[in-house]
Amino acid sequence: MSATSELIHCYDQLAERLAHMVELARAKDWGRLPELEAQCSAVVQRLKSLNPLESLEPSQLQEALRLIERIRADQQEVCELVRPQIEQLIDRMGLLSQQRNLGKTYGLPH
């Protein structure tokens, strides 16, 4: 596989994984997101290692730009769907910390 087709292939893989992450986040299936995020990270690392020897042909460039735009949109949607869950988790952790501190202060079991 040439460097340029490898580049398009990697963008396509990343777009597919992020689209799946959007589906899972919409379904609130949070447990499966970390595995896909790890796969996305591996693809990004692969993209970083690619150094195409020739520039992309116009059709390849258009495909790459289309995939990048799709990746950005899906990444933004995943972030928007996950953000409330993270904020809720932080709030719960804060409450647990307060309870633990109160327990230490007043000698209550924690």
PDB file of N, CA and C in Angstrom:
ATOM      1  N   MET A   1       0.856  -1.173   0.000  1.00  0.00           N
ATOM      2  CA  MET A   1       0.000   0.000   0.000  1.00  0.00           C
ATOM      3  C   MET A   1       0.898   1.230   0.000  1.00  0.00           C
ATOM      4  N   SER A   2       0.639   2.151  -0.908  1.00  0.00           N
ATOM      5  CA  SER A   2       1.464   3.348  -0.962  1.00  0.00           C
ATOM      6  C   SER A   2       1.163   4.240   0.233  1.00  0.00           C
ATOM      7  N   ALA A   3       2.074   5.192   0.485  1.00  0.00           N
ATOM      8  CA  ALA A   3       1.919   6.083   1.635  1.00  0.00           C
ATOM      9  C   ALA A   3       0.632   6.888   1.547  1.00  0.00           C
ATOM     10  N   THR A   4       0.282   7.354   0.368  1.00  0.00           N
ATOM     11  CA  THR A   4      -0.920   8.169   0.251  1.00  0.00           C
ATOM     12  C   THR A   4      -2.178   7.339   0.456  1.00  0.00           C
ATOM     13  N   SER A   5      -2.234   6.147  -0.098  1.00  0.00           N
ATOM     14  CA  SER A   5      -3.415   5.323   0.121  1.00  0.00           C
ATOM     15  C   SER A   5      -3.467   4.865   1.576  1.00  0.00           C
ATOM     16  N   GLU A   6      -2.334   4.681   2.197  1.00  0.00           N
ATOM     17  CA  GLU A   6      -2.288   4.344   3.624  1.00  0.00           C
ATOM     18  C   GLU A   6      -2.857   5.504   4.442  1.00  0.00           C
ATOM     19  N   LEU A   7      -2.562   6.715   4.021  1.00  0.00           N
ATOM     20  CA  LEU A   7      -3.080   7.900   4.693  1.00  0.00           C
ATOM     21  C   LEU A   7      -4.605   7.927   4.626  1.00  0.00           C
ATOM     22  N   ILE A   8      -5.151   7.739   3.458  1.00  0.00           N
ATOM     23  CA  ILE A   8      -6.612   7.720   3.280  1.00  0.00           C
ATOM     24  C   ILE A   8      -7.220   6.569   4.073  1.00  0.00           C
ATOM     25  N   HIS A   9      -6.571   5.424   4.032  1.00  0.00           N
ATOM     26  CA  HIS A   9      -7.049   4.256   4.778  1.00  0.00           C
ATOM     27  C   HIS A   9      -7.117   4.568   6.279  1.00  0.00           C
ATOM     28  N   CYS A  10      -6.108   5.219   6.801  1.00  0.00           N
ATOM     29  CA  CYS A  10      -6.100   5.559   8.231  1.00  0.00           C
ATOM     30  C   CYS A  10      -7.210   6.554   8.568  1.00  0.00           C
ATOM     31  N   TYR A  11      -7.392   7.565   7.735  1.00  0.00           N
ATOM     32  CA  TYR A  11      -8.484   8.518   7.963  1.00  0.00           C
ATOM     33  C   TYR A  11      -9.831   7.805   7.933  1.00  0.00           C
ATOM     34  N   ASP A  12      -9.976   6.866   7.015  1.00  0.00           N
ATOM     35  CA  ASP A  12     -11.226   6.110   6.916  1.00  0.00           C
ATOM     36  C   ASP A  12     -11.458   5.283   8.176  1.00  0.00           C
ATOM     37  N   GLN A  13     -10.411   4.609   8.661  1.00  0.00           N
ATOM     38  CA  GLN A  13     -10.526   3.832   9.900  1.00  0.00           C
ATOM     39  C   GLN A  13     -10.925   4.724  11.072  1.00  0.00           C
ATOM     40  N   LEU A  14     -10.292   5.872  11.173  1.00  0.00           N
ATOM     41  CA  LEU A  14     -10.583   6.806  12.256  1.00  0.00           C
ATOM     42  C   LEU A  14     -12.032   7.289  12.172  1.00  0.00           C
ATOM     43  N   ALA A  15     -12.475   7.610  10.972  1.00  0.00           N
ATOM     44  CA  ALA A  15     -13.862   8.060  10.783  1.00  0.00           C
ATOM     45  C   ALA A  15     -14.853   6.970  11.176  1.00  0.00           C
ATOM     46  N   GLU A  16     -14.573   5.732  10.799  1.00  0.00           N
ATOM     47  CA  GLU A  16     -15.468   4.625  11.152  1.00  0.00           C
ATOM     48  C   GLU A  16     -15.543   4.428  12.665  1.00  0.00           C
ATOM     49  N   ARG A  17     -14.421   4.471  13.334  1.00  0.00           N
ATOM     50  CA  ARG A  17     -14.401   4.277  14.784  1.00  0.00           C
ATOM     51  C   ARG A  17     -15.125   5.414  15.505  1.00  0.00           C
ATOM     52  N   LEU A  18     -14.909   6.636  15.051  1.00  0.00           N
ATOM     53  CA  LEU A  18     -15.591   7.767  15.686  1.00  0.00           C
ATOM     54  C   LEU A  18     -17.094   7.722  15.438  1.00  0.00           C
ATOM     55  N   ALA A  19     -17.508   7.296  14.269  1.00  0.00           N
ATOM     56  CA  ALA A  19     -18.942   7.145  13.990  1.00  0.00           C
ATOM     57  C   ALA A  19     -19.548   6.111  14.947  1.00  0.00           C
ATOM     58  N   HIS A  20     -18.826   5.051  15.199  1.00  0.00           N
ATOM     59  CA  HIS A  20     -19.284   4.034  16.149  1.00  0.00           C
ATOM     60  C   HIS A  20     -19.340   4.608  17.572  1.00  0.00           C
ATOM     61  N   MET A  21     -18.356   5.426  17.918  1.00  0.00           N
ATOM     62  CA  MET A  21     -18.360   6.071  19.236  1.00  0.00           C
ATOM     63  C   MET A  21     -19.580   6.976  19.393  1.00  0.00           C
ATOM     64  N   VAL A  22     -19.968   7.677  18.338  1.00  0.00           N
ATOM     65  CA  VAL A  22     -21.156   8.527  18.383  1.00  0.00           C
ATOM     66  C   VAL A  22     -22.388   7.665  18.669  1.00  0.00           C
ATOM     67  N   GLU A  23     -22.507   6.548  17.968  1.00  0.00           N
ATOM     68  CA  GLU A  23     -23.642   5.644  18.183  1.00  0.00           C
ATOM     69  C   GLU A  23     -23.690   5.173  19.628  1.00  0.00           C
ATOM     70  N   LEU A  24     -22.543   4.767  20.160  1.00  0.00           N
ATOM     71  CA  LEU A  24     -22.496   4.281  21.536  1.00  0.00           C
ATOM     72  C   LEU A  24     -22.820   5.383  22.538  1.00  0.00           C
ATOM     73  N   ALA A  25     -22.308   6.585  22.298  1.00  0.00           N
ATOM     74  CA  ALA A  25     -22.573   7.696  23.210  1.00  0.00           C
ATOM     75  C   ALA A  25     -24.046   8.083  23.171  1.00  0.00           C
ATOM     76  N   ARG A  26     -24.638   8.075  22.001  1.00  0.00           N
ATOM     77  CA  ARG A  26     -26.078   8.365  21.894  1.00  0.00           C
ATOM     78  C   ARG A  26     -26.892   7.338  22.668  1.00  0.00           C
ATOM     79  N   ALA A  27     -26.433   6.081  22.650  1.00  0.00           N
ATOM     80  CA  ALA A  27     -27.125   4.995  23.355  1.00  0.00           C
ATOM     81  C   ALA A  27     -26.721   4.929  24.833  1.00  0.00           C
ATOM     82  N   LYS A  28     -25.842   5.826  25.249  1.00  0.00           N
ATOM     83  CA  LYS A  28     -25.327   5.868  26.618  1.00  0.00           C
ATOM     84  C   LYS A  28     -24.645   4.542  27.013  1.00  0.00           C
ATOM     85  N   ASP A  29     -23.987   3.949  26.047  1.00  0.00           N
ATOM     86  CA  ASP A  29     -23.229   2.718  26.259  1.00  0.00           C
ATOM     87  C   ASP A  29     -21.780   3.112  26.545  1.00  0.00           C
ATOM     88  N   TRP A  30     -21.567   3.677  27.733  1.00  0.00           N
ATOM     89  CA  TRP A  30     -20.282   4.279  28.092  1.00  0.00           C
ATOM     90  C   TRP A  30     -19.161   3.258  28.221  1.00  0.00           C
ATOM     91  N   GLY A  31     -19.473   2.049  28.589  1.00  0.00           N
ATOM     92  CA  GLY A  31     -18.448   1.046  28.854  1.00  0.00           C
ATOM     93  C   GLY A  31     -17.632   0.639  27.641  1.00  0.00           C
ATOM     94  N   ARG A  32     -18.174   0.804  26.457  1.00  0.00           N
ATOM     95  CA  ARG A  32     -17.471   0.379  25.249  1.00  0.00           C
ATOM     96  C   ARG A  32     -16.651   1.498  24.617  1.00  0.00           C
ATOM     97  N   LEU A  33     -16.830   2.725  25.108  1.00  0.00           N
ATOM     98  CA  LEU A  33     -16.097   3.855  24.527  1.00  0.00           C
ATOM     99  C   LEU A  33     -14.584   3.796  24.742  1.00  0.00           C
ATOM    100  N   PRO A  34     -14.099   3.398  25.913  1.00  0.00           N
ATOM    101  CA  PRO A  34     -12.637   3.396  26.100  1.00  0.00           C
ATOM    102  C   PRO A  34     -11.885   2.509  25.104  1.00  0.00           C
ATOM    103  N   GLU A  35     -12.450   1.372  24.762  1.00  0.00           N
ATOM    104  CA  GLU A  35     -11.790   0.482  23.802  1.00  0.00           C
ATOM    105  C   GLU A  35     -11.680   1.155  22.427  1.00  0.00           C
ATOM    106  N   LEU A  36     -12.775   1.795  22.013  1.00  0.00           N
ATOM    107  CA  LEU A  36     -12.746   2.483  20.715  1.00  0.00           C
ATOM    108  C   LEU A  36     -11.819   3.690  20.747  1.00  0.00           C
ATOM    109  N   GLU A  37     -11.789   4.386  21.867  1.00  0.00           N
ATOM    110  CA  GLU A  37     -10.881   5.531  21.992  1.00  0.00           C
ATOM    111  C   GLU A  37      -9.431   5.067  21.869  1.00  0.00           C
ATOM    112  N   ALA A  38      -9.121   3.924  22.459  1.00  0.00           N
ATOM    113  CA  ALA A  38      -7.769   3.370  22.348  1.00  0.00           C
ATOM    114  C   ALA A  38      -7.454   3.013  20.897  1.00  0.00           C
ATOM    115  N   GLN A  39      -8.433   2.475  20.183  1.00  0.00           N
ATOM    116  CA  GLN A  39      -8.232   2.158  18.777  1.00  0.00           C
ATOM    117  C   GLN A  39      -7.997   3.441  17.961  1.00  0.00           C
ATOM    118  N   CYS A  40      -8.765   4.486  18.283  1.00  0.00           N
ATOM    119  CA  CYS A  40      -8.578   5.775  17.601  1.00  0.00           C
ATOM    120  C   CYS A  40      -7.174   6.309  17.861  1.00  0.00           C
ATOM    121  N   SER A  41      -6.715   6.204  19.092  1.00  0.00           N
ATOM    122  CA  SER A  41      -5.370   6.672  19.434  1.00  0.00           C
ATOM    123  C   SER A  41      -4.310   5.927  18.640  1.00  0.00           C
ATOM    124  N   ALA A  42      -4.505   4.628  18.466  1.00  0.00           N
ATOM    125  CA  ALA A  42      -3.547   3.834  17.694  1.00  0.00           C
ATOM    126  C   ALA A  42      -3.524   4.287  16.230  1.00  0.00           C
ATOM    127  N   VAL A  43      -4.693   4.586  15.676  1.00  0.00           N
ATOM    128  CA  VAL A  43      -4.756   5.058  14.294  1.00  0.00           C
ATOM    129  C   VAL A  43      -4.094   6.430  14.176  1.00  0.00           C
ATOM    130  N   VAL A  44      -4.326   7.296  15.157  1.00  0.00           N
ATOM    131  CA  VAL A  44      -3.700   8.623  15.136  1.00  0.00           C
ATOM    132  C   VAL A  44      -2.185   8.488  15.200  1.00  0.00           C
ATOM    133  N   GLN A  45      -1.687   7.587  16.026  1.00  0.00           N
ATOM    134  CA  GLN A  45      -0.246   7.363  16.094  1.00  0.00           C
ATOM    135  C   GLN A  45       0.291   6.875  14.747  1.00  0.00           C
ATOM    136  N   ARG A  46      -0.471   6.009  14.098  1.00  0.00           N
ATOM    137  CA  ARG A  46      -0.066   5.535  12.773  1.00  0.00           C
ATOM    138  C   ARG A  46      -0.032   6.704  11.782  1.00  0.00           C
ATOM    139  N   LEU A  47      -1.046   7.561  11.830  1.00  0.00           N
ATOM    140  CA  LEU A  47      -1.081   8.736  10.946  1.00  0.00           C
ATOM    141  C   LEU A  47       0.134   9.628  11.172  1.00  0.00           C
ATOM    142  N   LYS A  48       0.526   9.790  12.427  1.00  0.00           N
ATOM    143  CA  LYS A  48       1.679  10.638  12.739  1.00  0.00           C
ATOM    144  C   LYS A  48       2.971  10.067  12.148  1.00  0.00           C
ATOM    145  N   SER A  49       3.028   8.745  12.024  1.00  0.00           N
ATOM    146  CA  SER A  49       4.253   8.118  11.526  1.00  0.00           C
ATOM    147  C   SER A  49       4.341   8.126   9.999  1.00  0.00           C
ATOM    148  N   LEU A  50       3.230   8.395   9.335  1.00  0.00           N
ATOM    149  CA  LEU A  50       3.232   8.399   7.873  1.00  0.00           C
ATOM    150  C   LEU A  50       3.858   9.683   7.350  1.00  0.00           C
ATOM    151  N   ASN A  51       4.668   9.516   6.356  1.00  0.00           N
ATOM    152  CA  ASN A  51       5.297  10.671   5.710  1.00  0.00           C
ATOM    153  C   ASN A  51       5.222  10.436   4.210  1.00  0.00           C
ATOM    154  N   PRO A  52       4.086  10.811   3.616  1.00  0.00           N
ATOM    155  CA  PRO A  52       3.929  10.527   2.183  1.00  0.00           C
ATOM    156  C   PRO A  52       5.060  11.140   1.361  1.00  0.00           C
ATOM    157  N   LEU A  53       5.577  10.372   0.441  1.00  0.00           N
ATOM    158  CA  LEU A  53       6.660  10.840  -0.403  1.00  0.00           C
ATOM    159  C   LEU A  53       6.154  11.738  -1.522  1.00  0.00           C
ATOM    160  N   GLU A  54       4.896  11.619  -1.842  1.00  0.00           N
ATOM    161  CA  GLU A  54       4.314  12.449  -2.895  1.00  0.00           C
ATOM    162  C   GLU A  54       3.035  13.067  -2.354  1.00  0.00           C
ATOM    163  N   SER A  55       2.640  14.159  -2.937  1.00  0.00           N
ATOM    164  CA  SER A  55       1.414  14.798  -2.470  1.00  0.00           C
ATOM    165  C   SER A  55       0.208  13.987  -2.939  1.00  0.00           C
ATOM    166  N   LEU A  56      -0.893  14.216  -2.279  1.00  0.00           N
ATOM    167  CA  LEU A  56      -2.112  13.515  -2.654  1.00  0.00           C
ATOM    168  C   LEU A  56      -2.625  14.016  -3.994  1.00  0.00           C
ATOM    169  N   GLU A  57      -3.194  13.124  -4.748  1.00  0.00           N
ATOM    170  CA  GLU A  57      -3.865  13.508  -5.983  1.00  0.00           C
ATOM    171  C   GLU A  57      -5.112  14.301  -5.600  1.00  0.00           C
ATOM    172  N   PRO A  58      -5.624  15.123  -6.499  1.00  0.00           N
ATOM    173  CA  PRO A  58      -6.802  15.928  -6.152  1.00  0.00           C
ATOM    174  C   PRO A  58      -7.972  15.119  -5.598  1.00  0.00           C
ATOM    175  N   SER A  59      -8.247  13.964  -6.174  1.00  0.00           N
ATOM    176  CA  SER A  59      -9.363  13.148  -5.678  1.00  0.00           C
ATOM    177  C   SER A  59      -9.065  12.610  -4.280  1.00  0.00           C
ATOM    178  N   GLN A  60      -7.796  12.242  -4.039  1.00  0.00           N
ATOM    179  CA  GLN A  60      -7.416  11.767  -2.712  1.00  0.00           C
ATOM    180  C   GLN A  60      -7.488  12.894  -1.688  1.00  0.00           C
ATOM    181  N   LEU A  61      -7.070  14.073  -2.104  1.00  0.00           N
ATOM    182  CA  LEU A  61      -7.133  15.225  -1.212  1.00  0.00           C
ATOM    183  C   LEU A  61      -8.577  15.525  -0.829  1.00  0.00           C
ATOM    184  N   GLN A  62      -9.476  15.487  -1.800  1.00  0.00           N
ATOM    185  CA  GLN A  62     -10.896  15.731  -1.516  1.00  0.00           C
ATOM    186  C   GLN A  62     -11.439  14.666  -0.559  1.00  0.00           C
ATOM    187  N   GLU A  63     -11.056  13.423  -0.753  1.00  0.00           N
ATOM    188  CA  GLU A  63     -11.503  12.340   0.135  1.00  0.00           C
ATOM    189  C   GLU A  63     -10.952  12.542   1.541  1.00  0.00           C
ATOM    190  N   ALA A  64      -9.681  12.905   1.644  1.00  0.00           N
ATOM    191  CA  ALA A  64      -9.069  13.156   2.951  1.00  0.00           C
ATOM    192  C   ALA A  64      -9.776  14.300   3.663  1.00  0.00           C
ATOM    193  N   LEU A  65     -10.064  15.375   2.950  1.00  0.00           N
ATOM    194  CA  LEU A  65     -10.745  16.520   3.549  1.00  0.00           C
ATOM    195  C   LEU A  65     -12.159  16.159   3.988  1.00  0.00           C
ATOM    196  N   ARG A  66     -12.847  15.357   3.194  1.00  0.00           N
ATOM    197  CA  ARG A  66     -14.196  14.905   3.557  1.00  0.00           C
ATOM    198  C   ARG A  66     -14.151  14.067   4.830  1.00  0.00           C
ATOM    199  N   LEU A  67     -13.178  13.163   4.910  1.00  0.00           N
ATOM    200  CA  LEU A  67     -13.039  12.309   6.094  1.00  0.00           C
ATOM    201  C   LEU A  67     -12.663  13.129   7.327  1.00  0.00           C
ATOM    202  N   ILE A  68     -11.764  14.082   7.163  1.00  0.00           N
ATOM    203  CA  ILE A  68     -11.346  14.922   8.290  1.00  0.00           C
ATOM    204  C   ILE A  68     -12.532  15.723   8.824  1.00  0.00           C
ATOM    205  N   GLU A  69     -13.350  16.239   7.936  1.00  0.00           N
ATOM    206  CA  GLU A  69     -14.531  17.007   8.362  1.00  0.00           C
ATOM    207  C   GLU A  69     -15.503  16.110   9.126  1.00  0.00           C
ATOM    208  N   ARG A  70     -15.694  14.894   8.637  1.00  0.00           N
ATOM    209  CA  ARG A  70     -16.566  13.923   9.312  1.00  0.00           C
ATOM    210  C   ARG A  70     -15.998  13.559  10.684  1.00  0.00           C
ATOM    211  N   ILE A  71     -14.687  13.368  10.749  1.00  0.00           N
ATOM    212  CA  ILE A  71     -14.016  13.034  12.007  1.00  0.00           C
ATOM    213  C   ILE A  71     -14.212  14.166  13.016  1.00  0.00           C
ATOM    214  N   ARG A  72     -14.017  15.389  12.583  1.00  0.00           N
ATOM    215  CA  ARG A  72     -14.184  16.549  13.485  1.00  0.00           C
ATOM    216  C   ARG A  72     -15.606  16.627  14.020  1.00  0.00           C
ATOM    217  N   ALA A  73     -16.585  16.477  13.144  1.00  0.00           N
ATOM    218  CA  ALA A  73     -17.987  16.564  13.558  1.00  0.00           C
ATOM    219  C   ALA A  73     -18.329  15.460  14.556  1.00  0.00           C
ATOM    220  N   ASP A  74     -17.905  14.239  14.268  1.00  0.00           N
ATOM    221  CA  ASP A  74     -18.197  13.125  15.174  1.00  0.00           C
ATOM    222  C   ASP A  74     -17.463  13.278  16.501  1.00  0.00           C
ATOM    223  N   GLN A  75     -16.231  13.746  16.446  1.00  0.00           N
ATOM    224  CA  GLN A  75     -15.468  13.950  17.678  1.00  0.00           C
ATOM    225  C   GLN A  75     -16.150  15.003  18.554  1.00  0.00           C
ATOM    226  N   GLN A  76     -16.631  16.067  17.940  1.00  0.00           N
ATOM    227  CA  GLN A  76     -17.324  17.106  18.695  1.00  0.00           C
ATOM    228  C   GLN A  76     -18.604  16.564  19.314  1.00  0.00           C
ATOM    229  N   GLU A  77     -19.350  15.767  18.564  1.00  0.00           N
ATOM    230  CA  GLU A  77     -20.591  15.204  19.109  1.00  0.00           C
ATOM    231  C   GLU A  77     -20.310  14.269  20.278  1.00  0.00           C
ATOM    232  N   VAL A  78     -19.287  13.437  20.149  1.00  0.00           N
ATOM    233  CA  VAL A  78     -18.938  12.536  21.259  1.00  0.00           C
ATOM    234  C   VAL A  78     -18.590  13.357  22.497  1.00  0.00           C
ATOM    235  N   CYS A  79     -17.797  14.393  22.322  1.00  0.00           N
ATOM    236  CA  CYS A  79     -17.425  15.248  23.461  1.00  0.00           C
ATOM    237  C   CYS A  79     -18.656  15.857  24.111  1.00  0.00           C
ATOM    238  N   GLU A  80     -19.580  16.349  23.304  1.00  0.00           N
ATOM    239  CA  GLU A  80     -20.794  16.953  23.844  1.00  0.00           C
ATOM    240  C   GLU A  80     -21.659  15.937  24.581  1.00  0.00           C
ATOM    241  N   LEU A  81     -21.688  14.710  24.107  1.00  0.00           N
ATOM    242  CA  LEU A  81     -22.482  13.668  24.761  1.00  0.00           C
ATOM    243  C   LEU A  81     -21.825  13.152  26.035  1.00  0.00           C
ATOM    244  N   VAL A  82     -20.501  13.127  26.058  1.00  0.00           N
ATOM    245  CA  VAL A  82     -19.766  12.587  27.204  1.00  0.00           C
ATOM    246  C   VAL A  82     -19.598  13.631  28.309  1.00  0.00           C
ATOM    247  N   ARG A  83     -19.492  14.902  27.943  1.00  0.00           N
ATOM    248  CA  ARG A  83     -19.226  15.971  28.913  1.00  0.00           C
ATOM    249  C   ARG A  83     -20.168  15.934  30.126  1.00  0.00           C
ATOM    250  N   PRO A  84     -21.494  15.835  29.949  1.00  0.00           N
ATOM    251  CA  PRO A  84     -22.373  15.794  31.130  1.00  0.00           C
ATOM    252  C   PRO A  84     -22.097  14.596  32.040  1.00  0.00           C
ATOM    253  N   GLN A  85     -21.716  13.485  31.448  1.00  0.00           N
ATOM    254  CA  GLN A  85     -21.408  12.304  32.243  1.00  0.00           C
ATOM    255  C   GLN A  85     -20.152  12.523  33.085  1.00  0.00           C
ATOM    256  N   ILE A  86     -19.172  13.169  32.502  1.00  0.00           N
ATOM    257  CA  ILE A  86     -17.933  13.462  33.226  1.00  0.00           C
ATOM    258  C   ILE A  86     -18.207  14.459  34.343  1.00  0.00           C
ATOM    259  N   GLU A  87     -18.995  15.481  34.048  1.00  0.00           N
ATOM    260  CA  GLU A  87     -19.333  16.462  35.082  1.00  0.00           C
ATOM    261  C   GLU A  87     -20.090  15.813  36.233  1.00  0.00           C
ATOM    262  N   GLN A  88     -20.999  14.915  35.901  1.00  0.00           N
ATOM    263  CA  GLN A  88     -21.748  14.196  36.933  1.00  0.00           C
ATOM    264  C   GLN A  88     -20.807  13.326  37.771  1.00  0.00           C
ATOM    265  N   LEU A  89     -19.869  12.678  37.151  1.00  0.00           N
ATOM    266  CA  LEU A  89     -18.893  11.852  37.862  1.00  0.00           C
ATOM    267  C   LEU A  89     -18.038  12.707  38.789  1.00  0.00           C
ATOM    268  N   ILE A  90     -17.606  13.875  38.317  1.00  0.00           N
ATOM    269  CA  ILE A  90     -16.807  14.777  39.148  1.00  0.00           C
ATOM    270  C   ILE A  90     -17.613  15.233  40.358  1.00  0.00           C
ATOM    271  N   ASP A  91     -18.897  15.561  40.137  1.00  0.00           N
ATOM    272  CA  ASP A  91     -19.759  15.965  41.248  1.00  0.00           C
ATOM    273  C   ASP A  91     -19.885  14.849  42.278  1.00  0.00           C
ATOM    274  N   ARG A  92     -20.087  13.640  41.806  1.00  0.00           N
ATOM    275  CA  ARG A  92     -20.212  12.492  42.731  1.00  0.00           C
ATOM    276  C   ARG A  92     -18.920  12.273  43.510  1.00  0.00           C
ATOM    277  N   MET A  93     -17.788  12.415  42.824  1.00  0.00           N
ATOM    278  CA  MET A  93     -16.502  12.238  43.502  1.00  0.00           C
ATOM    279  C   MET A  93     -16.324  13.314  44.574  1.00  0.00           C
ATOM    280  N   GLY A  94     -16.765  14.541  44.274  1.00  0.00           N
ATOM    281  CA  GLY A  94     -16.693  15.614  45.256  1.00  0.00           C
ATOM    282  C   GLY A  94     -17.544  15.312  46.476  1.00  0.00           C
ATOM    283  N   LEU A  95     -18.742  14.787  46.256  1.00  0.00           N
ATOM    284  CA  LEU A  95     -19.613  14.426  47.374  1.00  0.00           C
ATOM    285  C   LEU A  95     -19.000  13.310  48.218  1.00  0.00           C
ATOM    286  N   LEU A  96     -18.427  12.333  47.565  1.00  0.00           N
ATOM    287  CA  LEU A  96     -17.781  11.244  48.304  1.00  0.00           C
ATOM    288  C   LEU A  96     -16.603  11.758  49.130  1.00  0.00           C
ATOM    289  N   SER A  97     -15.861  12.682  48.568  1.00  0.00           N
ATOM    290  CA  SER A  97     -14.734  13.270  49.293  1.00  0.00           C
ATOM    291  C   SER A  97     -15.228  14.041  50.512  1.00  0.00           C
ATOM    292  N   GLN A  98     -16.305  14.798  50.338  1.00  0.00           N
ATOM    293  CA  GLN A  98     -16.882  15.527  51.466  1.00  0.00           C
ATOM    294  C   GLN A  98     -17.351  14.568  52.554  1.00  0.00           C
ATOM    295  N   GLN A  99     -18.006  13.490  52.153  1.00  0.00           N
ATOM    296  CA  GLN A  99     -18.472  12.500  53.121  1.00  0.00           C
ATOM    297  C   GLN A  99     -17.297  11.877  53.868  1.00  0.00           C
ATOM    298  N   ARG A 100     -16.250  11.565  53.144  1.00  0.00           N
ATOM    299  CA  ARG A 100     -15.071  10.965  53.771  1.00  0.00           C
ATOM    300  C   ARG A 100     -14.456  11.949  54.763  1.00  0.00           C
ATOM    301  N   ASN A 101     -14.350  13.220  54.382  1.00  0.00           N
ATOM    302  CA  ASN A 101     -13.786  14.229  55.278  1.00  0.00           C
ATOM    303  C   ASN A 101     -14.648  14.426  56.512  1.00  0.00           C
ATOM    304  N   LEU A 102     -15.963  14.425  56.328  1.00  0.00           N
ATOM    305  CA  LEU A 102     -16.859  14.534  57.487  1.00  0.00           C
ATOM    306  C   LEU A 102     -16.708  13.325  58.401  1.00  0.00           C
ATOM    307  N   GLY A 103     -16.583  12.174  57.791  1.00  0.00           N
ATOM    308  CA  GLY A 103     -16.400  10.954  58.580  1.00  0.00           C
ATOM    309  C   GLY A 103     -15.123  10.992  59.391  1.00  0.00           C
ATOM    310  N   LYS A 104     -14.047  11.498  58.800  1.00  0.00           N
ATOM    311  CA  LYS A 104     -12.781  11.622  59.525  1.00  0.00           C
ATOM    312  C   LYS A 104     -12.905  12.644  60.644  1.00  0.00           C
ATOM    313  N   THR A 105     -13.566  13.748  60.353  1.00  0.00           N
ATOM    314  CA  THR A 105     -13.715  14.812  61.339  1.00  0.00           C
ATOM    315  C   THR A 105     -14.518  14.364  62.539  1.00  0.00           C
ATOM    316  N   TYR A 106     -15.593  13.651  62.299  1.00  0.00           N
ATOM    317  CA  TYR A 106     -16.498  13.248  63.370  1.00  0.00           C
ATOM    318  C   TYR A 106     -16.321  11.801  63.794  1.00  0.00           C
ATOM    319  N   GLY A 107     -15.311  11.149  63.289  1.00  0.00           N
ATOM    320  CA  GLY A 107     -15.013   9.791  63.699  1.00  0.00           C
ATOM    321  C   GLY A 107     -16.026   8.771  63.230  1.00  0.00           C
ATOM    322  N   LEU A 108     -16.682   9.051  62.132  1.00  0.00           N
ATOM    323  CA  LEU A 108     -17.665   8.120  61.585  1.00  0.00           C
ATOM    324  C   LEU A 108     -16.980   7.141  60.643  1.00  0.00           C
ATOM    325  N   PRO A 109     -17.496   5.923  60.560  1.00  0.00           N
ATOM    326  CA  PRO A 109     -16.900   4.967  59.610  1.00  0.00           C
ATOM    327  C   PRO A 109     -17.124   5.448  58.181  1.00  0.00           C
ATOM    328  N   HIS A 110     -16.133   5.205  57.323  1.00  0.00           N
ATOM    329  CA  HIS A 110     -16.269   5.619  55.933  1.00  0.00           C
ATOM    330  C   HIS A 110     -16.098   4.476  55.005  1.00  0.00           C
TER     331      HIS A 110
END
